[in-house]
C-alpha atoms as a PDB file:
ATOM      1  CA  MET A   1     -71.942  -8.981 -43.801  1.00  0.00           C
ATOM      2  CA  SER A   2     -71.449  -9.343 -47.619  1.00  0.00           C
ATOM      3  CA  ASN A   3     -68.401 -10.357 -49.335  1.00  0.00           C
ATOM      4  CA  VAL A   4     -68.940  -8.441 -52.546  1.00  0.00           C
ATOM      5  CA  ILE A   5     -70.593  -5.319 -51.309  1.00  0.00           C
ATOM      6  CA  LYS A   6     -68.604  -2.230 -50.124  1.00  0.00           C
ATOM      7  CA  ARG A   7     -71.878  -0.246 -49.614  1.00  0.00           C
ATOM      8  CA  VAL A   8     -75.072   1.109 -50.927  1.00  0.00           C
ATOM      9  CA  PHE A   9     -75.895   4.380 -51.132  1.00  0.00           C
ATOM     10  CA  PRO A  10     -79.218   6.269 -52.266  1.00  0.00           C
ATOM     11  CA  LEU A  11     -78.964   8.038 -55.833  1.00  0.00           C
ATOM     12  CA  GLY A  12     -79.069  11.671 -55.629  1.00  0.00           C
ATOM     13  CA  PHE A  13     -79.138  14.322 -58.677  1.00  0.00           C
ATOM     14  CA  PRO A  14     -76.335  13.703 -59.710  1.00  0.00           C
ATOM     15  CA  TRP A  15     -74.982  10.303 -58.558  1.00  0.00           C
ATOM     16  CA  ASP A  16     -72.037   9.425 -56.300  1.00  0.00           C
ATOM     17  CA  THR A  17     -69.020   8.051 -58.511  1.00  0.00           C
ATOM     18  CA  GLN A  18     -65.608   6.837 -57.961  1.00  0.00           C
ATOM     19  CA  ASP A  19     -62.326   7.172 -59.512  1.00  0.00           C
ATOM     20  CA  PRO A  20     -61.767   7.703 -62.376  1.00  0.00           C
ATOM     21  CA  PHE A  21     -65.014   8.765 -62.618  1.00  0.00           C
ATOM     22  CA  LEU A  22     -66.178  12.516 -61.461  1.00  0.00           C
ATOM     23  CA  PHE A  23     -69.497  12.894 -61.995  1.00  0.00           C
ATOM     24  CA  SER A  24     -72.822  10.846 -63.321  1.00  0.00           C
ATOM     25  CA  VAL A  25     -76.241  12.013 -63.807  1.00  0.00           C
ATOM     26  CA  TYR A  26     -79.687  10.469 -64.864  1.00  0.00           C
ATOM     27  CA  HIS A  27     -82.028  12.574 -66.726  1.00  0.00           C
ATOM     28  CA  LEU A  28     -85.560  11.003 -67.311  1.00  0.00           C
ATOM     29  CA  ASP A  29     -88.200  13.574 -68.712  1.00  0.00           C
ATOM     30  CA  HIS A  30     -91.514  12.969 -70.048  1.00  0.00           C
ATOM     31  CA  TYR A  31     -91.700  15.845 -72.289  1.00  0.00           C
ATOM     32  CA  PRO A  32     -94.841  16.557 -74.022  1.00  0.00           C
ATOM     33  CA  LYS A  33     -95.715  17.210 -77.970  1.00  0.00           C
ATOM     34  CA  GLY A  34     -93.399  19.710 -79.500  1.00  0.00           C
ATOM     35  CA  THR A  35     -94.291  22.692 -81.649  1.00  0.00           C
ATOM     36  CA  GLU A  36     -92.860  23.209 -84.977  1.00  0.00           C
ATOM     37  CA  ALA A  37     -90.073  25.187 -83.499  1.00  0.00           C
ATOM     38  CA  MET A  38     -89.237  22.114 -81.156  1.00  0.00           C
ATOM     39  CA  GLU A  39     -90.245  23.886 -77.755  1.00  0.00           C
ATOM     40  CA  PRO A  40     -92.871  22.640 -75.408  1.00  0.00           C
ATOM     41  CA  ALA A  41     -96.197  22.661 -76.916  1.00  0.00           C
ATOM     42  CA  THR A  42     -97.395  24.296 -73.470  1.00  0.00           C
ATOM     43  CA  SER A  43     -97.045  26.793 -71.107  1.00  0.00           C
ATOM     44  CA  LEU A  44     -93.619  27.242 -69.309  1.00  0.00           C
ATOM     45  CA  GLU A  45     -95.709  29.591 -66.763  1.00  0.00           C
ATOM     46  CA  GLY A  46     -94.508  28.911 -63.355  1.00  0.00           C
ATOM     47  CA  ARG A  47     -91.113  27.545 -64.320  1.00  0.00           C
ATOM     48  CA  ASN A  48     -87.856  29.003 -63.004  1.00  0.00           C
ATOM     49  CA  LEU A  49     -86.504  29.312 -66.647  1.00  0.00           C
ATOM     50  CA  GLY A  50     -82.704  29.588 -67.018  1.00  0.00           C
ATOM     51  CA  ASN A  51     -82.222  27.223 -63.813  1.00  0.00           C
ATOM     52  CA  ASP A  52     -85.550  24.534 -63.818  1.00  0.00           C
ATOM     53  CA  PHE A  53     -84.194  21.634 -62.165  1.00  0.00           C
ATOM     54  CA  THR A  54     -87.391  20.996 -60.380  1.00  0.00           C
ATOM     55  CA  ILE A  55     -89.659  18.125 -62.185  1.00  0.00           C
ATOM     56  CA  LYS A  56     -92.862  19.943 -63.176  1.00  0.00           C
ATOM     57  CA  ASP A  57     -95.394  17.810 -65.032  1.00  0.00           C
ATOM     58  CA  GLY A  58     -92.915  15.293 -65.411  1.00  0.00           C
ATOM     59  CA  TRP A  59     -90.224  17.322 -66.987  1.00  0.00           C
ATOM     60  CA  ARG A  60     -87.681  20.097 -66.416  1.00  0.00           C
ATOM     61  CA  MET A  61     -86.525  23.013 -68.858  1.00  0.00           C
ATOM     62  CA  TYR A  62     -82.740  22.882 -67.118  1.00  0.00           C
ATOM     63  CA  HIS A  63     -81.139  26.146 -68.337  1.00  0.00           C
ATOM     64  CA  GLY A  64     -83.203  26.138 -71.906  1.00  0.00           C
ATOM     65  CA  LEU A  65     -85.018  29.253 -72.014  1.00  0.00           C
ATOM     66  CA  THR A  66     -87.520  28.077 -75.072  1.00  0.00           C
ATOM     67  CA  ILE A  67     -85.805  24.511 -75.541  1.00  0.00           C
ATOM     68  CA  PRO A  68     -84.795  22.129 -72.837  1.00  0.00           C
ATOM     69  CA  GLY A  69     -81.432  21.783 -72.442  1.00  0.00           C
ATOM     70  CA  PHE A  70     -77.973  23.126 -71.582  1.00  0.00           C
ATOM     71  CA  PRO A  71     -76.950  26.194 -73.894  1.00  0.00           C
ATOM     72  CA  SER A  72     -73.267  26.793 -74.548  1.00  0.00           C
ATOM     73  CA  HIS A  73     -70.613  26.320 -71.620  1.00  0.00           C
ATOM     74  CA  PRO A  74     -67.091  25.747 -71.296  1.00  0.00           C
ATOM     75  CA  HIS A  75     -65.359  22.310 -70.011  1.00  0.00           C
ATOM     76  CA  ARG A  76     -61.535  21.610 -69.314  1.00  0.00           C
ATOM     77  CA  GLY A  77     -59.721  18.594 -68.116  1.00  0.00           C
ATOM     78  CA  PHE A  78     -61.859  15.540 -68.340  1.00  0.00           C
ATOM     79  CA  GLU A  79     -64.297  13.845 -71.108  1.00  0.00           C
ATOM     80  CA  THR A  80     -68.080  13.701 -71.205  1.00  0.00           C
ATOM     81  CA  VAL A  81     -69.626  10.560 -72.123  1.00  0.00           C
ATOM     82  CA  THR A  82     -73.540  11.172 -73.276  1.00  0.00           C
ATOM     83  CA  ILE A  83     -75.590   8.059 -73.534  1.00  0.00           C
ATOM     84  CA  VAL A  84     -79.387   8.787 -74.851  1.00  0.00           C
ATOM     85  CA  ASN A  85     -81.609   6.190 -74.641  1.00  0.00           C
ATOM     86  CA  LYS A  86     -84.869   8.278 -75.661  1.00  0.00           C
ATOM     87  CA  GLY A  87     -85.346  11.419 -77.389  1.00  0.00           C
ATOM     88  CA  PHE A  88     -82.569  13.139 -78.970  1.00  0.00           C
ATOM     89  CA  CYS A  89     -79.707  15.756 -78.090  1.00  0.00           C
ATOM     90  CA  ASP A  90     -78.381  18.130 -80.410  1.00  0.00           C
ATOM     91  CA  HIS A  91     -74.804  19.015 -79.923  1.00  0.00           C
ATOM     92  CA  SER A  92     -72.849  22.163 -80.895  1.00  0.00           C
ATOM     93  CA  ASP A  93     -69.617  23.182 -79.911  1.00  0.00           C
ATOM     94  CA  SER A  94     -66.535  25.680 -80.399  1.00  0.00           C
ATOM     95  CA  LEU A  95     -64.459  23.268 -82.843  1.00  0.00           C
ATOM     96  CA  GLY A  96     -67.466  23.746 -85.468  1.00  0.00           C
ATOM     97  CA  ALA A  97     -68.295  20.407 -84.723  1.00  0.00           C
ATOM     98  CA  ALA A  98     -72.252  19.312 -84.511  1.00  0.00           C
ATOM     99  CA  GLY A  99     -74.580  16.683 -84.190  1.00  0.00           C
ATOM    100  CA  ARG A 100     -77.976  15.354 -83.573  1.00  0.00           C
ATOM    101  CA  PHE A 101     -77.945  11.736 -81.823  1.00  0.00           C
ATOM    102  CA  GLY A 102     -80.327   9.549 -79.661  1.00  0.00           C
ATOM    103  CA  GLU A 103     -82.523   6.408 -79.631  1.00  0.00           C
ATOM    104  CA  GLY A 104     -79.445   4.772 -78.095  1.00  0.00           C
ATOM    105  CA  ASP A 105     -76.320   6.413 -79.670  1.00  0.00           C
ATOM    106  CA  VAL A 106     -73.569   7.986 -77.304  1.00  0.00           C
ATOM    107  CA  GLN A 107     -71.280  11.007 -77.826  1.00  0.00           C
ATOM    108  CA  TRP A 108     -67.975  10.736 -76.390  1.00  0.00           C
ATOM    109  CA  MET A 109     -66.271  14.206 -76.011  1.00  0.00           C
ATOM    110  CA  THR A 110     -62.972  14.770 -74.889  1.00  0.00           C
ATOM    111  CA  ALA A 111     -62.707  18.703 -73.409  1.00  0.00           C
ATOM    112  CA  GLY A 112     -58.782  18.149 -73.002  1.00  0.00           C
ATOM    113  CA  ARG A 113     -57.181  22.054 -73.006  1.00  0.00           C
ATOM    114  CA  GLY A 114     -60.675  23.584 -73.366  1.00  0.00           C
ATOM    115  CA  VAL A 115     -63.878  23.392 -75.392  1.00  0.00           C
ATOM    116  CA  GLN A 116     -67.290  24.978 -75.468  1.00  0.00           C
ATOM    117  CA  HIS A 117     -70.476  22.921 -76.433  1.00  0.00           C
ATOM    118  CA  SER A 118     -74.360  23.111 -76.197  1.00  0.00           C
ATOM    119  CA  GLU A 119     -76.472  20.503 -75.392  1.00  0.00           C
ATOM    120  CA  MET A 120     -79.965  20.642 -76.227  1.00  0.00           C
ATOM    121  CA  PHE A 121     -83.031  18.720 -76.377  1.00  0.00           C
ATOM    122  CA  PRO A 122     -85.089  19.339 -79.329  1.00  0.00           C
ATOM    123  CA  LEU A 123     -88.700  18.098 -78.998  1.00  0.00           C
ATOM    124  CA  LEU A 124     -89.071  16.725 -82.722  1.00  0.00           C
ATOM    125  CA  LYS A 125     -92.686  14.993 -82.309  1.00  0.00           C
ATOM    126  CA  THR A 126     -95.712  17.361 -82.816  1.00  0.00           C
ATOM    127  CA  GLU A 127     -98.070  14.404 -82.660  1.00  0.00           C
ATOM    128  CA  GLU A 128     -96.952  12.529 -79.566  1.00  0.00           C
ATOM    129  CA  GLU A 129     -94.798  13.195 -76.668  1.00  0.00           C
ATOM    130  CA  ASN A 130     -90.907  13.505 -76.644  1.00  0.00           C
ATOM    131  CA  PRO A 131     -89.590  11.348 -73.823  1.00  0.00           C
ATOM    132  CA  LEU A 132     -86.219  11.972 -72.963  1.00  0.00           C
ATOM    133  CA  GLU A 133     -83.793   9.273 -71.137  1.00  0.00           C
ATOM    134  CA  LEU A 134     -80.255  10.327 -70.894  1.00  0.00           C
ATOM    135  CA  PHE A 135     -77.101   9.376 -68.675  1.00  0.00           C
ATOM    136  CA  GLN A 136     -74.080  11.968 -68.542  1.00  0.00           C
ATOM    137  CA  ILE A 137     -70.974  10.620 -67.154  1.00  0.00           C
ATOM    138  CA  TRP A 138     -67.500  12.630 -66.525  1.00  0.00           C
ATOM    139  CA  LEU A 139     -64.260  10.657 -66.993  1.00  0.00           C
ATOM    140  CA  ASN A 140     -61.181  12.239 -65.775  1.00  0.00           C
ATOM    141  CA  LEU A 141     -58.191  12.655 -67.457  1.00  0.00           C
ATOM    142  CA  PRO A 142     -54.697  12.027 -65.929  1.00  0.00           C
ATOM    143  CA  LYS A 143     -52.426  14.957 -65.420  1.00  0.00           C
ATOM    144  CA  GLU A 144     -50.409  14.351 -68.590  1.00  0.00           C
ATOM    145  CA  ASN A 145     -53.500  14.406 -70.480  1.00  0.00           C
ATOM    146  CA  LYS A 146     -55.279  17.450 -69.219  1.00  0.00           C
ATOM    147  CA  PHE A 147     -54.114  19.888 -72.324  1.00  0.00           C
ATOM    148  CA  VAL A 148     -54.686  17.457 -75.229  1.00  0.00           C
ATOM    149  CA  ASP A 149     -56.744  18.788 -78.166  1.00  0.00           C
ATOM    150  CA  PRO A 150     -60.433  18.313 -77.656  1.00  0.00           C
ATOM    151  CA  HIS A 151     -61.762  15.593 -79.453  1.00  0.00           C
ATOM    152  CA  PHE A 152     -65.222  14.540 -80.638  1.00  0.00           C
ATOM    153  CA  ALA A 153     -66.696  11.359 -81.618  1.00  0.00           C
ATOM    154  CA  MET A 154     -70.238   9.654 -82.117  1.00  0.00           C
ATOM    155  CA  LEU A 155     -70.659   5.781 -81.081  1.00  0.00           C
ATOM    156  CA  TRP A 156     -73.706   4.984 -83.260  1.00  0.00           C
ATOM    157  CA  SER A 157     -76.261   2.840 -81.627  1.00  0.00           C
ATOM    158  CA  GLU A 158     -75.527   0.623 -84.673  1.00  0.00           C
ATOM    159  CA  ASP A 159     -72.232   0.106 -83.829  1.00  0.00           C
ATOM    160  CA  ILE A 160     -72.413  -0.364 -80.376  1.00  0.00           C
ATOM    161  CA  PRO A 161     -72.564  -4.027 -79.421  1.00  0.00           C
ATOM    162  CA  VAL A 162     -75.031  -5.511 -77.523  1.00  0.00           C
ATOM    163  CA  VAL A 163     -74.644  -8.845 -75.519  1.00  0.00           C
ATOM    164  CA  LYS A 164     -78.195 -10.728 -75.296  1.00  0.00           C
ATOM    165  CA  SER A 165     -78.590 -13.955 -73.076  1.00  0.00           C
ATOM    166  CA  ALA A 166     -82.168 -15.676 -72.444  1.00  0.00           C
ATOM    167  CA  THR A 167     -82.892 -13.194 -69.497  1.00  0.00           C
ATOM    168  CA  ALA A 168     -80.485 -10.098 -69.990  1.00  0.00           C
ATOM    169  CA  LEU A 169     -79.171  -7.810 -72.085  1.00  0.00           C
ATOM    170  CA  VAL A 170     -75.742  -5.886 -71.688  1.00  0.00           C
ATOM    171  CA  LYS A 171     -74.766  -2.837 -73.991  1.00  0.00           C
ATOM    172  CA  VAL A 172     -70.991  -2.297 -74.102  1.00  0.00           C
ATOM    173  CA  ILE A 173     -70.498   1.178 -74.183  1.00  0.00           C
ATOM    174  CA  ALA A 174     -66.805   0.857 -72.872  1.00  0.00           C
ATOM    175  CA  GLY A 175     -64.604  -1.865 -72.090  1.00  0.00           C
ATOM    176  CA  LYS A 176     -65.263  -5.589 -72.886  1.00  0.00           C
ATOM    177  CA  TYR A 177     -68.264  -8.117 -71.748  1.00  0.00           C
ATOM    178  CA  GLU A 178     -67.750 -11.825 -72.398  1.00  0.00           C
ATOM    179  CA  GLY A 179     -65.217 -11.064 -74.788  1.00  0.00           C
ATOM    180  CA  VAL A 180     -67.184  -8.484 -76.598  1.00  0.00           C
ATOM    181  CA  ALA A 181     -65.587  -5.170 -76.987  1.00  0.00           C
ATOM    182  CA  ALA A 182     -66.718  -1.904 -77.143  1.00  0.00           C
ATOM    183  CA  PRO A 183     -65.835   0.750 -79.932  1.00  0.00           C
ATOM    184  CA  ALA A 184     -62.739   2.371 -79.646  1.00  0.00           C
ATOM    185  CA  PRO A 185     -62.678   5.214 -76.839  1.00  0.00           C
ATOM    186  CA  ALA A 186     -61.404   8.693 -77.545  1.00  0.00           C
ATOM    187  CA  PRO A 187     -57.418   8.325 -78.140  1.00  0.00           C
ATOM    188  CA  ASN A 188     -56.377  10.305 -75.216  1.00  0.00           C
ATOM    189  CA  SER A 189     -59.071   8.629 -72.922  1.00  0.00           C
ATOM    190  CA  TRP A 190     -58.252   6.732 -69.484  1.00  0.00           C
ATOM    191  CA  ALA A 191     -60.126   4.203 -71.228  1.00  0.00           C
ATOM    192  CA  ALA A 192     -58.045   3.966 -73.978  1.00  0.00           C
ATOM    193  CA  ASP A 193     -55.632   1.712 -72.194  1.00  0.00           C
ATOM    194  CA  PRO A 194     -57.068  -1.721 -71.731  1.00  0.00           C
ATOM    195  CA  LYS A 195     -54.956  -2.270 -68.361  1.00  0.00           C
ATOM    196  CA  ASN A 196     -57.213   0.743 -66.743  1.00  0.00           C
ATOM    197  CA  GLU A 197     -60.483  -1.609 -67.383  1.00  0.00           C
ATOM    198  CA  VAL A 198     -62.491   0.937 -67.728  1.00  0.00           C
ATOM    199  CA  ALA A 199     -66.133  -0.506 -68.394  1.00  0.00           C
ATOM    200  CA  ILE A 200     -69.425   1.525 -69.092  1.00  0.00           C
ATOM    201  CA  TRP A 201     -72.240  -1.202 -69.345  1.00  0.00           C
ATOM    202  CA  ASN A 202     -76.094  -0.476 -69.473  1.00  0.00           C
ATOM    203  CA  ILE A 203     -77.653  -3.676 -68.153  1.00  0.00           C
ATOM    204  CA  HIS A 204     -81.237  -4.673 -68.458  1.00  0.00           C
ATOM    205  CA  VAL A 205     -82.411  -7.983 -66.671  1.00  0.00           C
ATOM    206  CA  ASP A 206     -85.811  -9.761 -66.898  1.00  0.00           C
ATOM    207  CA  ALA A 207     -88.239 -10.044 -64.137  1.00  0.00           C
ATOM    208  CA  GLY A 208     -87.840 -13.200 -61.968  1.00  0.00           C
ATOM    209  CA  ALA A 209     -84.182 -13.813 -63.810  1.00  0.00           C
ATOM    210  CA  SER A 210     -80.765 -13.667 -62.316  1.00  0.00           C
ATOM    211  CA  PHE A 211     -77.768 -12.069 -63.808  1.00  0.00           C
ATOM    212  CA  THR A 212     -73.840 -12.585 -62.901  1.00  0.00           C
ATOM    213  CA  LEU A 213     -71.427  -9.852 -63.142  1.00  0.00           C
ATOM    214  CA  PRO A 214     -68.031 -11.296 -64.121  1.00  0.00           C
ATOM    215  CA  PRO A 215     -64.879 -10.392 -61.791  1.00  0.00           C
ATOM    216  CA  SER A 216     -62.265  -7.896 -63.273  1.00  0.00           C
ATOM    217  CA  GLU A 217     -59.036  -8.859 -63.724  1.00  0.00           C
ATOM    218  CA  SER A 218     -57.259  -6.723 -61.200  1.00  0.00           C
ATOM    219  CA  GLU A 219     -58.880  -4.746 -58.558  1.00  0.00           C
ATOM    220  CA  VAL A 220     -60.765  -1.760 -59.780  1.00  0.00           C
ATOM    221  CA  ASN A 221     -63.360   0.586 -58.806  1.00  0.00           C
ATOM    222  CA  ARG A 222     -66.646  -0.833 -59.502  1.00  0.00           C
ATOM    223  CA  THR A 223     -70.146   1.008 -59.374  1.00  0.00           C
ATOM    224  CA  LEU A 224     -73.904  -0.444 -59.961  1.00  0.00           C
ATOM    225  CA  TYR A 225     -76.424   1.996 -60.275  1.00  0.00           C
ATOM    226  CA  PHE A 226     -79.836   0.364 -60.209  1.00  0.00           C
ATOM    227  CA  TYR A 227     -82.200   3.261 -61.837  1.00  0.00           C
ATOM    228  CA  GLU A 228     -85.251   1.445 -62.459  1.00  0.00           C
ATOM    229  CA  GLY A 229     -87.126  -1.758 -61.242  1.00  0.00           C
ATOM    230  CA  GLU A 230     -88.543  -2.911 -57.945  1.00  0.00           C
ATOM    231  CA  GLY A 231     -85.908  -4.640 -56.107  1.00  0.00           C
ATOM    232  CA  ILE A 232     -82.862  -7.269 -56.672  1.00  0.00           C
ATOM    233  CA  ASN A 233     -81.149  -9.496 -54.210  1.00  0.00           C
ATOM    234  CA  ILE A 234     -77.382  -9.467 -54.145  1.00  0.00           C
ATOM    235  CA  ASP A 235     -75.293 -11.655 -52.331  1.00  0.00           C
ATOM    236  CA  GLY A 236     -77.816 -11.982 -49.592  1.00  0.00           C
ATOM    237  CA  LYS A 237     -78.911  -8.390 -49.452  1.00  0.00           C
ATOM    238  CA  LYS A 238     -81.853  -6.746 -50.601  1.00  0.00           C
ATOM    239  CA  VAL A 239     -81.496  -3.641 -52.540  1.00  0.00           C
ATOM    240  CA  GLY A 240     -84.159  -1.423 -53.886  1.00  0.00           C
ATOM    241  CA  PRO A 241     -84.171   0.900 -56.967  1.00  0.00           C
ATOM    242  CA  ASN A 242     -82.400   4.389 -56.597  1.00  0.00           C
ATOM    243  CA  ASN A 243     -79.383   2.989 -55.015  1.00  0.00           C
ATOM    244  CA  GLY A 244     -76.004   2.880 -55.958  1.00  0.00           C
ATOM    245  CA  ILE A 245     -73.967  -0.460 -54.997  1.00  0.00           C
ATOM    246  CA  ALA A 246     -70.193   0.019 -54.858  1.00  0.00           C
ATOM    247  CA  LEU A 247     -68.651  -3.504 -55.136  1.00  0.00           C
ATOM    248  CA  HIS A 248     -65.374  -5.777 -54.866  1.00  0.00           C
ATOM    249  CA  SER A 249     -64.565  -5.903 -58.355  1.00  0.00           C
ATOM    250  CA  GLN A 250     -62.552  -9.021 -58.364  1.00  0.00           C
ATOM    251  CA  GLU A 251     -65.520 -11.112 -57.002  1.00  0.00           C
ATOM    252  CA  ALA A 252     -68.331 -12.067 -59.507  1.00  0.00           C
ATOM    253  CA  VAL A 253     -71.561 -11.434 -58.172  1.00  0.00           C
ATOM    254  CA  THR A 254     -74.969 -12.735 -58.768  1.00  0.00           C
ATOM    255  CA  LEU A 255     -78.173 -10.273 -58.666  1.00  0.00           C
ATOM    256  CA  VAL A 256     -81.472 -12.113 -58.469  1.00  0.00           C
ATOM    257  CA  ASN A 257     -83.943  -9.917 -59.839  1.00  0.00           C
ATOM    258  CA  GLY A 258     -87.656  -9.285 -58.420  1.00  0.00           C
ATOM    259  CA  THR A 259     -90.938  -9.104 -60.308  1.00  0.00           C
ATOM    260  CA  SER A 260     -90.430  -6.314 -62.720  1.00  0.00           C
ATOM    261  CA  SER A 261     -87.321  -5.929 -65.149  1.00  0.00           C
ATOM    262  CA  ALA A 262     -84.234  -4.007 -63.702  1.00  0.00           C
ATOM    263  CA  HIS A 263     -82.250  -1.648 -65.482  1.00  0.00           C
ATOM    264  CA  PHE A 264     -78.709  -0.768 -64.451  1.00  0.00           C
ATOM    265  CA  LEU A 265     -75.552   1.269 -65.383  1.00  0.00           C
ATOM    266  CA  LEU A 266     -71.984  -0.048 -64.363  1.00  0.00           C
ATOM    267  CA  LEU A 267     -69.119   2.284 -63.921  1.00  0.00           C
ATOM    268  CA  GLN A 268     -65.652   0.825 -63.298  1.00  0.00           C
ATOM    269  CA  GLY A 269     -62.126   1.488 -63.768  1.00  0.00           C
ATOM    270  CA  LYS A 270     -58.637   1.854 -62.398  1.00  0.00           C
ATOM    271  CA  PRO A 271     -58.390   5.020 -60.159  1.00  0.00           C
ATOM    272  CA  ILE A 272     -56.299   7.752 -61.558  1.00  0.00           C
ATOM    273  CA  ASN A 273     -55.111   8.485 -57.975  1.00  0.00           C
ATOM    274  CA  GLU A 274     -54.372  12.023 -58.369  1.00  0.00           C
ATOM    275  CA  PRO A 275     -55.237  15.359 -56.674  1.00  0.00           C
ATOM    276  CA  VAL A 276     -58.792  16.580 -58.121  1.00  0.00           C
ATOM    277  CA  ALA A 277     -59.482  20.339 -58.198  1.00  0.00           C
ATOM    278  CA  LYS A 278     -63.141  21.047 -59.528  1.00  0.00           C
ATOM    279  CA  TYR A 279     -64.856  24.114 -60.191  1.00  0.00           C
ATOM    280  CA  GLY A 280     -68.070  23.690 -62.118  1.00  0.00           C
ATOM    281  CA  PRO A 281     -67.142  22.810 -65.545  1.00  0.00           C
ATOM    282  CA  PHE A 282     -63.401  22.663 -65.031  1.00  0.00           C
ATOM    283  CA  VAL A 283     -61.530  19.797 -63.356  1.00  0.00           C
ATOM    284  CA  MET A 284     -57.875  19.981 -62.878  1.00  0.00           C
ATOM    285  CA  ASN A 285     -55.434  18.864 -60.267  1.00  0.00           C
ATOM    286  CA  THR A 286     -54.629  22.028 -58.325  1.00  0.00           C
ATOM    287  CA  ASP A 287     -56.787  25.289 -57.424  1.00  0.00           C
ATOM    288  CA  MET A 288     -54.036  27.498 -59.247  1.00  0.00           C
ATOM    289  CA  GLU A 289     -54.924  25.589 -62.711  1.00  0.00           C
ATOM    290  CA  ILE A 290     -58.570  26.103 -61.998  1.00  0.00           C
ATOM    291  CA  GLN A 291     -57.948  29.984 -61.615  1.00  0.00           C
ATOM    292  CA  GLN A 292     -55.716  29.712 -64.970  1.00  0.00           C
ATOM    293  CA  ALA A 293     -58.788  27.776 -66.627  1.00  0.00           C
ATOM    294  CA  MET A 294     -61.177  30.795 -65.627  1.00  0.00           C
ATOM    295  CA  GLN A 295     -58.886  33.208 -66.822  1.00  0.00           C
ATOM    296  CA  GLU A 296     -58.032  31.892 -69.992  1.00  0.00           C
ATOM    297  CA  TYR A 297     -61.682  31.071 -70.679  1.00  0.00           C
ATOM    298  CA  GLN A 298     -62.367  34.594 -69.884  1.00  0.00           C
ATOM    299  CA  LEU A 299     -59.881  35.895 -72.460  1.00  0.00           C
ATOM    300  CA  THR A 300     -60.406  33.273 -75.428  1.00  0.00           C
ATOM    301  CA  GLN A 301     -63.880  31.911 -74.927  1.00  0.00           C
ATOM    302  CA  PHE A 302     -61.910  28.702 -75.922  1.00  0.00           C
ATOM    303  CA  GLY A 303     -61.963  29.684 -79.258  1.00  0.00           C
ATOM    304  CA  GLY A 304     -65.389  31.454 -79.429  1.00  0.00           C
ATOM    305  CA  TRP A 305     -68.664  30.303 -80.359  1.00  0.00           C
ATOM    306  CA  PRO A 306     -69.441  29.923 -84.213  1.00  0.00           C
ATOM    307  CA  TRP A 307     -73.212  29.484 -83.825  1.00  0.00           C
ATOM    308  CA  PRO A 308     -75.961  31.819 -84.111  1.00  0.00           C
ATOM    309  CA  TYR A 309     -77.203  31.052 -80.791  1.00  0.00           C
ATOM    310  CA  ASN A 310     -76.064  29.868 -77.243  1.00  0.00           C
ATOM    311  CA  ASP A 311     -78.748  27.159 -77.188  1.00  0.00           C
ATOM    312  CA  ASN A 312     -78.423  26.278 -80.898  1.00  0.00           C
ATOM    313  CA  VAL A 313     -80.200  23.728 -82.383  1.00  0.00           C
ATOM    314  CA  HIS A 314     -80.449  22.073 -85.681  1.00  0.00           C
ATOM    315  CA  PRO A 315     -83.161  22.097 -88.476  1.00  0.00           C
ATOM    316  CA  ARG A 316     -86.140  20.089 -87.758  1.00  0.00           C
ATOM    317  CA  GLU A 317     -86.058  18.070 -90.490  1.00  0.00           C
ATOM    318  CA  LYS A 318     -82.348  16.799 -89.956  1.00  0.00           C
ATOM    319  CA  GLY A 319     -82.254  13.143 -88.917  1.00  0.00           C
ATOM    320  CA  ARG A 320     -79.135  11.927 -86.696  1.00  0.00           C
ATOM    321  CA  PHE A 321     -75.637  13.212 -87.813  1.00  0.00           C
ATOM    322  CA  ALA A 322     -72.181  14.097 -86.809  1.00  0.00           C
ATOM    323  CA  LYS A 323     -70.301  16.895 -88.464  1.00  0.00           C
ATOM    324  CA  TYR A 324     -66.608  16.521 -87.228  1.00  0.00           C
ATOM    325  CA  PRO A 325     -64.086  19.758 -86.634  1.00  0.00           C
ATOM    326  CA  ASP A 326     -62.298  18.929 -90.091  1.00  0.00           C
ATOM    327  CA  GLY A 327     -65.675  19.118 -92.193  1.00  0.00           C
ATOM    328  CA  SER A 328     -66.230  15.642 -92.574  1.00  0.00           C
ATOM    329  CA  LEU A 329     -70.112  14.637 -92.097  1.00  0.00           C
ATOM    330  CA  GLU A 330     -71.848  11.249 -90.909  1.00  0.00           C
ATOM    331  CA  GLU A 331     -75.554  11.050 -91.573  1.00  0.00           C
ATOM    332  CA  LYS A 332     -77.733   7.952 -90.345  1.00  0.00           C
END
């Protein structure tokens, strides 16, 4: 019996998570070449357009009809953290904020009292394929912050610390690793209080190498997601890829990797320990609050939709950028 492993479970779509996290999903799509309109340069025949979640020819359209992605939809009561390792995501929202991010960038959005946004995956390359690798993580908000103002932030890849050793690499998206702190999270986030020990790390370990996860300061929920590789040995137990490992966080744990590089996402944090009521894009504390959220969205559309299309994408020639609700602009 392992002293550090609580349980091992298969990774589905989405992945199982522990409080304070609500949801995590891994998208890996080997998109083909794109057209000048940023659509797949191939036939969409045979796809269940509008609800295409079945991998066909290595990729999916999701809810997109012409460009892959997720046209406008609402959220309330939690945060989304979107990590794009490969490819690009075009964001547009009801606050008037927008952005194109990818190739290692992270978007952190606090839905709070309510926001609409779209997330589309423009296929910018016309002469080669357009692979997309993306994680989206839902981080809960405590009851006291469910109705804060929405907030939108970009964590550019150039600003996210990467801690390297001879055989491993840790990208510190939230929290602290070996004394190296991630960029500041959204101000009303559960992650904003260091006592909550929220961590989001993307970990890459070389073939044949070992890697040790440091212990947390207090007992928190810690889950390691093994999403790519051949196999690891952890505390004497062999674990294959496409498995999650719930760990005792106050114990250091050493991973011994197999014959190919291994890739992990780590999520940890102090649980909020409040009731959770979920319905689609709304996460509150009671079913009555869910009903209120649905009614308010029907009445107000959370501020409406200021963009010409529900599946809005930005001009093909645009680079990485973020336009904030106050009108300020960052370009990379």
